[in-house]
Amino acid sequence: MRTTQRGDERILSSDVFERAGSYQRPVLGSWHEPGREIPIYHRCEVLVVGGGPSGTAAAAAAARQGADVALLERYNHLGGLSTGGLVIWIDRMTDWDGKLVIRGFAEELFDRLPAEAVAGPSRAEWGSRDASKASYWANRTAAYHGVVTWSPTIDPERLKLLSQEIVLERKVKLIYHSWAAQPIVEGSAVRGVVFESKEGRMAIMAKVVVDATGDGDIFARAGAAFDNDIEEADVHHCMNTSWLFGGVDMNRWIDFKTSQPELHAAFMARGRQENGLFERPFVSWRNDVALFMGPRQSGYSALDIDDLTEVEIRSHRAMAAHLEFFRRHAPGFENAFLMLSAPQIGVRHARRLRGVDSVLRSRWPDGVPLADEVGVTPAVSPKFPNISIPYGALVPQSLDGLLACGRHISCDKNSHGFMREIPQCWITGQAAGTAAAVAVAAGVEPRSVKIISVQAALAKQGVFLRAADVDAVAEQQAA
């Protein structure tokens, strides 16, 4: 076990657990797949592959912009890790002054979620440096570096339903239980995908494909360049399956943790000693539900099915061991029960696109709005200003017909630590979907769109941008 500390490069401190041994898969030969005709299931203007946070935002934004959109999702719900992955603690959407900078689709979601489905500080508290408020919210995942932030926890079932209804309202063709298997490449451009389902192998043709798979499956198989360098001891490159315990009293737990720090430290030490893999609980949207977002396991690949299987096995065993230990020793957990393990594994990193531009660590200190800014993200600490997200980070260096969004956009491994988070996925998804629709309407490849047109459309959708003439162009286009 290694412990990563919070600092200028990362916002989280966490225990990281190395993999237990390794497995060498035997070489068993090959089987020749005969050629065959693939039926075309659907034709559309914009195809979004993956219905996680970025894919949902992309589909909603493209449809809002007037495109004919299809959304392909392998599970039975939208939201990805924010719902099926139980990453229900949504990271910071305000900057260190309390200004809401993750807006647009994200803001629409929180405006429409029922009040009882969201827990977090009031708007009046955002940006507060009051020591007592920061201390209170620090134990409820909503204060960092002594600053209260808008980083709420949410009810995943409500977010599933709302995400679905938004895309259906906008006439998106939603396709569940379907796994994209292969991009359809014509020349140097992606023009659709082949997917697998209970009906077998079929194809969807599109003018622009948005890769929102999270792992870059489509752009990688289409031949686009990517990076996969990682730091194995960094929480941002670990995997785990999250889970929920019901029947708890998180207020009692937090009181124990804050009022008896020596006993809490001893509890955690004993947990590590007796269980090996061990994680602390987080608050959820309800006081009687605890969230465990770990133990975070390093040294495994999200692109290896044997590794994915091993992480699932270890995580589920850890969930049962945690329940027994917490019931016996943790205040507030005497009546805890296994409520839910995440249907989706918690993958933080697999591939990152090599784009026309990137979100770069070297730009953190200046905070200058880039000319092709399509979103703004809070920095990892108050030491840095807000960070500009360039459109070029969504565009492959040479591959046409495709845009990327979500955790696999073009960025260095330091910037990936926050660009993989759910709010940033909403932002890049909305940018990719909007740009795809603008490209279709203009009859050009995504790399050739007029960036001011994309920025104007994003501003009209409520996205926070800082380019000087965006608002004027948006007003002109709306007139």
Protein backbone atom coordinates (compact mmCIF):
# COMPACT_ATOMS: atom_id res chain seq x y z
CA MET A 1 0.00 0.00 0.00
CA ARG A 2 1.13 3.53 -0.81
CA THR A 3 -0.45 6.75 0.38
CA THR A 4 -0.69 9.66 -2.06
CA GLN A 5 -0.82 13.09 -0.48
CA ARG A 6 -2.88 16.07 -1.54
CA GLY A 7 -0.81 18.85 -3.08
CA ASP A 8 -0.43 21.15 -6.07
CA GLU A 9 -0.69 18.27 -8.57
CA ARG A 10 -3.72 16.50 -7.11
CA ILE A 11 -6.69 17.30 -4.93
CA LEU A 12 -7.15 13.90 -3.30
CA SER A 13 -5.16 12.06 -0.69
CA SER A 14 -5.72 8.34 -0.83
CA ASP A 15 -4.37 4.91 -0.08
CA VAL A 16 -3.37 3.03 -3.24
CA PHE A 17 -3.09 -0.75 -3.23
CA GLU A 18 -0.73 -2.53 -5.62
CA ARG A 19 -1.89 -5.54 -7.60
CA ALA A 20 -1.45 -8.98 -6.09
CA GLY A 21 0.86 -10.84 -8.47
CA SER A 22 0.54 -11.00 -12.24
CA TYR A 23 -0.97 -13.31 -14.83
CA GLN A 24 0.55 -14.32 -18.15
CA ARG A 25 -2.13 -15.30 -20.64
CA PRO A 26 -1.15 -18.36 -22.69
CA VAL A 27 -0.97 -18.17 -26.49
CA LEU A 28 -3.64 -20.57 -27.76
CA GLY A 29 -3.56 -19.89 -31.48
CA SER A 30 -6.22 -18.11 -33.54
CA TRP A 31 -9.46 -18.67 -35.45
CA HIS A 32 -10.20 -17.12 -38.86
CA GLU A 33 -13.42 -15.10 -38.93
CA PRO A 34 -15.15 -15.45 -42.30
CA GLY A 35 -16.16 -12.26 -44.11
CA ARG A 36 -19.86 -11.34 -44.11
CA GLU A 37 -22.32 -8.60 -44.99
CA ILE A 38 -23.28 -6.41 -42.01
CA PRO A 39 -26.82 -4.96 -42.03
CA ILE A 40 -27.09 -1.22 -41.45
CA TYR A 41 -29.27 -0.66 -38.42
CA HIS A 42 -29.44 3.13 -38.58
CA ARG A 43 -28.18 6.24 -40.41
CA CYS A 44 -27.80 9.61 -38.68
CA GLU A 45 -25.83 12.82 -38.78
CA VAL A 46 -24.10 12.51 -35.40
CA LEU A 47 -23.43 9.20 -33.67
CA VAL A 48 -22.31 9.34 -30.04
CA VAL A 49 -20.68 6.13 -28.83
CA GLY A 50 -20.98 5.79 -25.06
CA GLY A 51 -23.67 7.22 -22.78
CA GLY A 52 -21.55 8.25 -19.81
CA PRO A 53 -21.39 11.85 -18.60
CA SER A 54 -19.59 13.10 -21.71
CA GLY A 55 -21.64 11.04 -24.15
CA THR A 56 -24.95 12.08 -22.63
CA ALA A 57 -23.89 15.73 -22.77
CA ALA A 58 -22.65 15.31 -26.36
CA ALA A 59 -25.90 13.75 -27.58
CA ALA A 60 -28.03 16.33 -25.80
CA ALA A 61 -25.95 19.23 -27.13
CA ALA A 62 -25.82 17.96 -30.73
CA ALA A 63 -29.58 17.42 -30.78
CA ARG A 64 -30.20 20.83 -29.23
CA GLN A 65 -28.11 22.27 -32.05
CA GLY A 66 -30.47 20.66 -34.57
CA ALA A 67 -28.59 17.53 -35.61
CA ASP A 68 -30.12 14.10 -36.15
CA VAL A 69 -28.43 12.16 -33.32
CA ALA A 70 -28.08 8.55 -32.21
CA LEU A 71 -26.62 7.50 -28.85
CA LEU A 72 -25.20 3.99 -28.45
CA GLU A 73 -24.78 2.66 -24.90
CA ARG A 74 -23.69 -0.80 -23.73
CA TYR A 75 -25.57 -0.73 -20.39
CA ASN A 76 -29.25 -0.17 -19.60
CA HIS A 77 -28.84 3.42 -18.41
CA LEU A 78 -27.08 6.71 -19.07
CA GLY A 79 -24.64 8.53 -16.81
CA GLY A 80 -21.77 6.06 -16.87
CA LEU A 81 -19.57 6.32 -13.81
CA SER A 82 -21.75 9.07 -12.33
CA THR A 83 -24.63 6.58 -12.09
CA GLY A 84 -23.71 2.96 -12.81
CA GLY A 85 -20.22 3.49 -11.43
CA LEU A 86 -21.60 5.04 -8.20
CA VAL A 87 -19.23 7.99 -8.51
CA ILE A 88 -22.05 9.99 -6.98
CA TRP A 89 -19.70 12.51 -5.42
CA ILE A 90 -19.52 15.06 -8.25
CA ASP A 91 -16.22 16.93 -8.16
CA ARG A 92 -15.83 20.70 -7.97
CA MET A 93 -17.88 22.85 -10.35
CA THR A 94 -16.94 26.17 -8.74
CA ASP A 95 -13.57 27.85 -8.87
CA TRP A 96 -11.65 28.89 -5.76
CA ASP A 97 -13.58 32.16 -5.58
CA GLY A 98 -16.90 30.34 -5.56
CA LYS A 99 -17.85 31.15 -9.16
CA LEU A 100 -19.72 28.44 -11.05
CA VAL A 101 -17.58 27.64 -14.10
CA ILE A 102 -18.89 24.16 -14.94
CA ARG A 103 -22.16 25.26 -16.49
CA GLY A 104 -24.25 24.46 -19.56
CA PHE A 105 -25.49 20.85 -19.51
CA ALA A 106 -24.21 20.34 -15.96
CA GLU A 107 -26.20 23.32 -14.72
CA GLU A 108 -29.32 22.05 -16.49
CA LEU A 109 -28.98 18.69 -14.73
CA PHE A 110 -28.82 20.25 -11.27
CA ASP A 111 -31.64 22.66 -12.05
CA ARG A 112 -33.86 19.68 -12.92
CA LEU A 113 -32.85 17.10 -10.32
CA PRO A 114 -35.29 16.87 -7.38
CA ALA A 115 -34.05 18.66 -4.27
CA GLU A 116 -34.00 15.42 -2.29
CA ALA A 117 -31.63 13.88 -4.87
CA VAL A 118 -28.81 16.38 -4.21
CA ALA A 119 -26.78 17.11 -1.08
CA GLY A 120 -24.23 19.90 -0.81
CA PRO A 121 -23.58 23.44 0.41
CA SER A 122 -25.95 26.28 -0.44
CA ARG A 123 -24.96 28.71 -3.19
CA ALA A 124 -24.31 31.37 -0.54
CA GLU A 125 -21.53 29.19 0.91
CA TRP A 126 -19.66 28.57 -2.34
CA GLY A 127 -16.18 30.02 -2.06
CA SER A 128 -16.42 30.60 1.69
CA ARG A 129 -13.13 30.47 3.58
CA ASP A 130 -14.82 30.53 6.96
CA ALA A 131 -12.94 27.94 9.01
CA SER A 132 -16.01 26.40 10.63
CA LYS A 133 -17.91 26.09 7.33
CA ALA A 134 -14.88 24.67 5.55
CA SER A 135 -14.35 22.16 8.36
CA TYR A 136 -17.98 21.06 8.22
CA TRP A 137 -18.04 20.61 4.45
CA ALA A 138 -14.58 19.03 4.27
CA ASN A 139 -16.12 15.97 5.92
CA ARG A 140 -18.91 16.01 3.35
CA THR A 141 -16.75 16.12 0.19
CA ALA A 142 -17.40 19.80 -0.44
CA ALA A 143 -14.42 21.79 0.90
CA TYR A 144 -10.76 21.63 -0.10
CA HIS A 145 -7.75 23.76 0.84
CA GLY A 146 -10.03 25.55 3.33
CA VAL A 147 -12.53 26.63 0.64
CA VAL A 148 -16.16 25.51 0.37
CA THR A 149 -16.93 24.28 -3.16
CA TRP A 150 -19.96 23.16 -5.13
CA SER A 151 -19.15 19.45 -5.29
CA PRO A 152 -22.41 17.75 -4.34
CA THR A 153 -23.42 14.13 -3.96
CA ILE A 154 -26.41 12.87 -5.95
CA ASP A 155 -28.96 10.07 -6.17
CA PRO A 156 -27.71 7.92 -9.09
CA GLU A 157 -31.17 6.60 -9.99
CA ARG A 158 -32.55 10.10 -10.35
CA LEU A 159 -29.61 11.09 -12.53
CA LYS A 160 -30.13 8.00 -14.73
CA LEU A 161 -33.75 8.90 -15.31
CA LEU A 162 -33.14 12.60 -15.92
CA SER A 163 -30.26 11.95 -18.34
CA GLN A 164 -32.45 9.58 -20.32
CA GLU A 165 -35.41 11.93 -20.44
CA ILE A 166 -33.31 14.90 -21.60
CA VAL A 167 -31.95 13.07 -24.65
CA LEU A 168 -35.37 11.61 -25.47
CA GLU A 169 -36.95 15.07 -25.22
CA ARG A 170 -34.51 16.19 -27.89
CA LYS A 171 -35.43 13.31 -30.22
CA VAL A 172 -32.13 11.45 -29.85
CA LYS A 173 -32.37 7.83 -31.00
CA LEU A 174 -31.28 6.00 -27.86
CA ILE A 175 -29.89 2.48 -28.25
CA TYR A 176 -29.23 0.51 -25.05
CA HIS A 177 -27.60 -2.92 -24.63
CA SER A 178 -25.30 -2.37 -27.60
CA TRP A 179 -21.51 -2.44 -27.59
CA ALA A 180 -19.53 -0.65 -30.32
CA ALA A 181 -16.97 -3.10 -31.68
CA GLN A 182 -15.28 -1.52 -34.69
CA PRO A 183 -15.16 1.89 -36.38
CA ILE A 184 -16.09 2.11 -40.04
CA VAL A 185 -13.25 4.00 -41.71
CA GLU A 186 -13.43 5.32 -45.25
CA GLY A 187 -10.15 6.78 -46.40
CA SER A 188 -8.95 8.81 -43.42
CA ALA A 189 -12.37 9.45 -41.90
CA VAL A 190 -14.65 7.58 -39.51
CA ARG A 191 -18.12 7.19 -40.99
CA GLY A 192 -19.84 4.95 -38.47
CA VAL A 193 -19.38 1.94 -36.22
CA VAL A 194 -20.12 -1.74 -36.17
CA PHE A 195 -21.77 -2.82 -32.92
CA GLU A 196 -22.77 -6.04 -31.21
CA SER A 197 -26.08 -6.73 -29.49
CA LYS A 198 -28.56 -9.54 -28.87
CA GLU A 199 -29.49 -9.13 -32.54
CA GLY A 200 -25.93 -9.87 -33.61
CA ARG A 201 -23.57 -7.61 -35.54
CA MET A 202 -24.95 -4.46 -37.20
CA ALA A 203 -23.73 -1.04 -38.31
CA ILE A 204 -24.66 2.59 -37.78
CA MET A 205 -23.55 5.15 -40.37
CA ALA A 206 -22.97 8.80 -39.46
CA LYS A 207 -21.41 11.98 -40.80
CA VAL A 208 -19.58 12.58 -37.51
CA VAL A 209 -18.83 10.08 -34.75
CA VAL A 210 -18.20 11.24 -31.18
CA ASP A 211 -16.04 8.80 -29.22
CA ALA A 212 -17.33 8.95 -25.66
CA THR A 213 -16.29 5.42 -24.71
CA GLY A 214 -13.98 6.68 -21.94
CA ASP A 215 -11.16 4.43 -23.09
CA GLY A 216 -10.83 5.78 -26.63
CA ASP A 217 -11.91 2.47 -28.13
CA ILE A 218 -13.18 4.00 -31.38
CA PHE A 219 -10.37 6.41 -32.17
CA ALA A 220 -7.72 3.85 -31.19
CA ARG A 221 -9.20 1.15 -33.44
CA ALA A 222 -9.53 3.71 -36.23
CA GLY A 223 -5.78 4.32 -36.08
CA ALA A 224 -5.59 7.65 -34.23
CA ALA A 225 -2.48 8.27 -32.14
CA PHE A 226 -2.85 8.14 -28.37
CA ASP A 227 -0.88 8.06 -25.11
CA ASN A 228 -1.29 5.63 -22.24
CA ASP A 229 1.57 6.59 -19.90
CA ILE A 230 0.57 6.34 -16.26
CA GLU A 231 1.93 6.68 -12.74
CA GLU A 232 1.00 3.42 -11.05
CA ALA A 233 1.20 4.93 -7.55
CA ASP A 234 -1.20 7.74 -8.45
CA VAL A 235 -4.87 7.44 -7.53
CA HIS A 236 -5.76 8.88 -10.94
CA HIS A 237 -4.61 5.69 -12.64
CA CYS A 238 -6.22 3.13 -10.33
CA MET A 239 -9.35 1.01 -10.72
CA ASN A 240 -11.99 -0.20 -8.28
CA THR A 241 -15.65 -1.08 -7.96
CA SER A 242 -17.53 1.33 -5.72
CA TRP A 243 -20.35 0.28 -3.41
CA LEU A 244 -23.04 1.59 -1.08
CA PHE A 245 -23.92 0.52 2.46
CA GLY A 246 -27.43 1.28 3.69
CA GLY A 247 -28.73 1.49 7.27
CA VAL A 248 -25.88 3.73 8.50
CA ASP A 249 -25.73 7.02 10.42
CA MET A 250 -23.11 9.16 8.72
CA ASN A 251 -23.52 11.99 11.20
CA ARG A 252 -22.42 9.65 13.99
CA TRP A 253 -19.50 8.46 11.89
CA ILE A 254 -18.35 12.02 11.12
CA ASP A 255 -18.68 12.98 14.80
CA PHE A 256 -16.48 10.02 15.73
CA LYS A 257 -13.93 10.91 13.04
CA THR A 258 -13.71 14.59 13.99
CA SER A 259 -14.10 14.46 17.78
CA GLN A 260 -11.89 11.43 18.42
CA PRO A 261 -9.09 11.62 15.83
CA GLU A 262 -6.80 9.26 17.75
CA LEU A 263 -9.45 6.56 17.92
CA HIS A 264 -10.28 7.13 14.25
CA ALA A 265 -6.63 6.75 13.27
CA ALA A 266 -6.42 3.55 15.30
CA PHE A 267 -9.60 2.28 13.63
CA MET A 268 -8.16 2.89 10.16
CA ALA A 269 -4.84 1.27 11.08
CA ARG A 270 -6.63 -1.79 12.44
CA GLY A 271 -8.76 -1.98 9.31
CA ARG A 272 -5.69 -2.00 7.07
CA GLN A 273 -4.02 -4.63 9.25
CA GLU A 274 -7.00 -6.99 9.36
CA ASN A 275 -8.38 -6.48 5.87
CA GLY A 276 -5.44 -5.52 3.67
CA LEU A 277 -7.52 -3.59 1.15
CA PHE A 278 -9.25 -0.92 3.21
CA GLU A 279 -11.12 2.31 2.46
CA ARG A 280 -12.88 5.06 4.39
CA PRO A 281 -16.55 5.89 3.80
CA PHE A 282 -17.83 9.06 2.17
CA VAL A 283 -21.18 10.76 2.56
CA SER A 284 -23.86 10.31 -0.08
CA TRP A 285 -27.08 12.16 -0.87
CA ARG A 286 -28.64 10.60 2.26
CA ASN A 287 -27.42 10.34 5.84
CA ASP A 288 -28.35 6.65 5.98
CA VAL A 289 -26.31 5.66 2.90
CA ALA A 290 -22.50 5.46 2.89
CA LEU A 291 -20.35 5.55 -0.23
CA PHE A 292 -17.10 3.60 -0.60
CA MET A 293 -15.06 4.67 -3.64
CA GLY A 294 -12.27 2.17 -3.22
CA PRO A 295 -10.04 0.50 -2.29
CA ARG A 296 -8.16 1.96 -5.27
CA GLN A 297 -6.01 -0.67 -6.95
CA SER A 298 -2.96 0.07 -9.10
CA GLY A 299 -1.01 -1.94 -11.64
CA TYR A 300 -4.06 -3.14 -13.56
CA SER A 301 -5.02 -2.27 -17.13
CA ALA A 302 -8.53 -1.18 -18.08
CA LEU A 303 -7.90 -2.73 -21.49
CA ASP A 304 -7.17 -6.25 -20.20
CA ILE A 305 -10.18 -8.45 -19.41
CA ASP A 306 -8.21 -10.56 -16.96
CA ASP A 307 -7.19 -7.44 -15.05
CA LEU A 308 -10.74 -6.09 -15.09
CA THR A 309 -11.99 -9.41 -13.74
CA GLU A 310 -9.38 -9.48 -10.97
CA VAL A 311 -10.25 -5.95 -9.82
CA GLU A 312 -13.94 -6.87 -9.68
CA ILE A 313 -13.20 -10.01 -7.63
CA ARG A 314 -10.98 -8.14 -5.17
CA SER A 315 -13.46 -5.25 -4.86
CA HIS A 316 -16.45 -7.47 -4.13
CA ARG A 317 -14.52 -9.44 -1.54
CA ALA A 318 -13.39 -6.14 0.02
CA MET A 319 -17.01 -4.95 0.18
CA ALA A 320 -18.05 -7.98 2.26
CA ALA A 321 -14.99 -7.69 4.51
CA HIS A 322 -15.66 -3.98 5.05
CA LEU A 323 -19.25 -4.66 6.07
CA GLU A 324 -18.19 -7.14 8.74
CA PHE A 325 -15.43 -4.89 10.08
CA PHE A 326 -17.49 -1.68 10.08
CA ARG A 327 -20.45 -3.38 11.77
CA ARG A 328 -18.19 -4.52 14.62
CA HIS A 329 -16.09 -1.41 15.11
CA ALA A 330 -17.47 1.73 13.42
CA PRO A 331 -19.92 4.09 15.17
CA GLY A 332 -22.97 4.54 12.98
CA PHE A 333 -22.47 1.27 11.09
CA GLU A 334 -23.95 -1.21 13.60
CA ASN A 335 -26.97 -1.89 11.35
CA ALA A 336 -25.29 -1.46 7.98
CA PHE A 337 -26.21 -3.74 5.11
CA LEU A 338 -24.95 -4.39 1.58
CA MET A 339 -27.03 -2.04 -0.54
CA LEU A 340 -25.41 -2.06 -3.98
CA SER A 341 -22.10 -2.71 -5.70
CA ALA A 342 -21.54 -0.63 -8.82
CA PRO A 343 -22.67 -2.30 -12.05
CA GLN A 344 -19.78 -0.48 -13.77
CA ILE A 345 -16.15 -0.79 -12.77
CA GLY A 346 -14.42 2.43 -11.78
CA VAL A 347 -11.85 3.06 -14.52
CA ARG A 348 -9.87 6.27 -14.28
CA HIS A 349 -7.44 5.94 -17.18
CA ALA A 350 -6.78 3.84 -20.27
CA ARG A 351 -5.91 5.94 -23.33
CA ARG A 352 -5.61 9.67 -24.05
CA LEU A 353 -6.01 11.03 -27.56
CA ARG A 354 -3.11 12.82 -29.22
CA GLY A 355 -4.98 15.84 -30.43
CA VAL A 356 -4.36 18.98 -32.41
CA ASP A 357 -3.85 20.62 -29.00
CA SER A 358 -3.91 19.45 -25.37
CA VAL A 359 -4.71 20.51 -21.84
CA LEU A 360 -1.18 20.98 -20.50
CA ARG A 361 0.40 21.26 -17.06
CA SER A 362 2.71 23.98 -18.41
CA ARG A 363 -0.32 26.26 -18.94
CA TRP A 364 -1.73 25.95 -15.43
CA PRO A 365 0.04 29.00 -13.97
CA ASP A 366 -1.02 31.55 -16.63
CA GLY A 367 -4.75 30.84 -16.89
CA VAL A 368 -4.94 32.61 -20.25
CA PRO A 369 -8.15 31.92 -22.23
CA LEU A 370 -7.10 30.09 -25.39
CA ALA A 371 -8.43 31.29 -28.73
CA ASP A 372 -10.34 28.02 -29.25
CA GLU A 373 -11.60 27.72 -25.67
CA VAL A 374 -14.67 25.47 -25.44
CA GLY A 375 -14.81 25.18 -21.67
CA VAL A 376 -13.22 26.24 -18.41
CA THR A 377 -12.22 24.02 -15.51
CA PRO A 378 -11.30 24.92 -11.93
CA ALA A 379 -7.63 24.37 -11.14
CA VAL A 380 -6.49 21.70 -8.70
CA SER A 381 -5.64 24.22 -5.96
CA PRO A 382 -6.03 27.95 -5.21
CA LYS A 383 -2.42 28.36 -6.32
CA PHE A 384 -3.56 28.28 -9.95
CA PRO A 385 -6.18 30.25 -11.93
CA ASN A 386 -8.95 28.63 -13.95
CA ILE A 387 -7.74 26.50 -16.84
CA SER A 388 -8.80 26.84 -20.48
CA ILE A 389 -9.92 23.74 -22.41
CA PRO A 390 -9.04 24.06 -26.12
CA TYR A 391 -11.16 22.66 -28.92
CA GLY A 392 -7.99 21.10 -30.31
CA ALA A 393 -7.95 18.68 -27.38
CA LEU A 394 -11.05 17.01 -28.86
CA VAL A 395 -9.73 16.76 -32.43
CA PRO A 396 -7.42 13.92 -33.55
CA GLN A 397 -4.15 14.96 -35.15
CA SER A 398 -5.04 13.43 -38.52
CA LEU A 399 -8.21 11.30 -38.31
CA ASP A 400 -11.37 12.96 -39.70
CA GLY A 401 -15.03 12.34 -39.03
CA LEU A 402 -14.46 11.96 -35.28
CA LEU A 403 -14.30 13.99 -32.10
CA ALA A 404 -13.33 12.77 -28.64
CA CYS A 405 -14.76 13.79 -25.29
CA GLY A 406 -14.57 12.70 -21.68
CA ARG A 407 -11.64 11.22 -19.83
CA HIS A 408 -9.72 10.27 -22.98
CA ILE A 409 -9.34 13.75 -24.51
CA SER A 410 -5.88 15.04 -25.34
CA CYS A 411 -4.07 16.09 -22.16
CA ASP A 412 -0.89 15.34 -20.27
CA LYS A 413 -0.96 12.89 -17.39
CA ASN A 414 -0.99 15.66 -14.76
CA SER A 415 -3.97 17.44 -16.30
CA HIS A 416 -5.75 14.12 -16.74
CA GLY A 417 -6.14 14.03 -12.95
CA PHE A 418 -8.97 16.57 -13.20
CA MET A 419 -9.98 16.32 -16.87
CA ARG A 420 -11.26 12.79 -16.17
CA GLU A 421 -13.73 14.03 -13.54
CA ILE A 422 -17.46 14.04 -14.23
CA PRO A 423 -17.97 17.84 -14.48
CA GLN A 424 -15.12 18.12 -16.99
CA CYS A 425 -16.65 15.21 -18.93
CA TRP A 426 -19.94 17.12 -19.12
CA ILE A 427 -18.06 20.16 -20.43
CA THR A 428 -16.02 18.34 -23.10
CA GLY A 429 -19.04 16.25 -24.09
CA GLN A 430 -21.16 19.34 -24.65
CA ALA A 431 -18.34 20.90 -26.67
CA ALA A 432 -17.89 17.79 -28.83
CA GLY A 433 -21.60 17.35 -29.49
CA THR A 434 -22.05 21.01 -30.35
CA ALA A 435 -19.02 21.02 -32.66
CA ALA A 436 -20.21 17.84 -34.38
CA ALA A 437 -23.59 19.44 -35.11
CA VAL A 438 -21.96 22.64 -36.35
CA ALA A 439 -19.69 20.60 -38.65
CA VAL A 440 -22.63 18.67 -40.09
CA ALA A 441 -24.62 21.85 -40.70
CA ALA A 442 -21.64 23.47 -42.44
CA GLY A 443 -20.79 20.35 -44.44
CA VAL A 444 -17.19 20.29 -43.19
CA GLU A 445 -14.98 17.98 -41.16
CA PRO A 446 -14.89 18.72 -37.40
CA ARG A 447 -11.32 20.05 -37.63
CA SER A 448 -12.48 22.67 -40.16
CA VAL A 449 -15.37 24.25 -38.25
CA LYS A 450 -15.26 27.95 -37.53
CA ILE A 451 -14.40 27.95 -33.85
CA ILE A 452 -16.33 31.17 -33.24
CA SER A 453 -19.48 29.39 -34.46
CA VAL A 454 -18.89 26.56 -31.99
CA GLN A 455 -18.18 29.02 -29.17
CA ALA A 456 -21.29 31.05 -29.98
CA ALA A 457 -23.45 27.92 -29.91
CA LEU A 458 -21.92 26.85 -26.60
CA ALA A 459 -22.47 30.30 -25.08
CA LYS A 460 -26.10 30.14 -26.19
CA GLN A 461 -26.37 26.79 -24.37
CA GLY A 462 -25.13 28.41 -21.15
CA VAL A 463 -21.51 27.21 -21.21
CA PHE A 464 -19.08 29.49 -19.39
CA LEU A 465 -16.52 30.85 -21.88
CA ARG A 466 -14.16 33.81 -21.75
CA ALA A 467 -13.48 34.60 -25.43
CA ALA A 468 -14.11 38.34 -25.86
CA ASP A 469 -16.55 38.24 -28.79
CA VAL A 470 -18.47 35.05 -28.05
CA ASP A 471 -21.42 36.74 -26.37
CA ALA A 472 -21.75 39.26 -29.21
CA VAL A 473 -21.76 36.52 -31.85
CA ALA A 474 -24.25 34.46 -29.86
CA GLU A 475 -26.58 37.45 -29.60
CA GLN A 476 -26.19 38.12 -33.35
CA GLN A 477 -26.99 34.50 -34.24
CA ALA A 478 -30.00 34.49 -31.90
CA ALA A 479 -31.42 37.69 -33.48
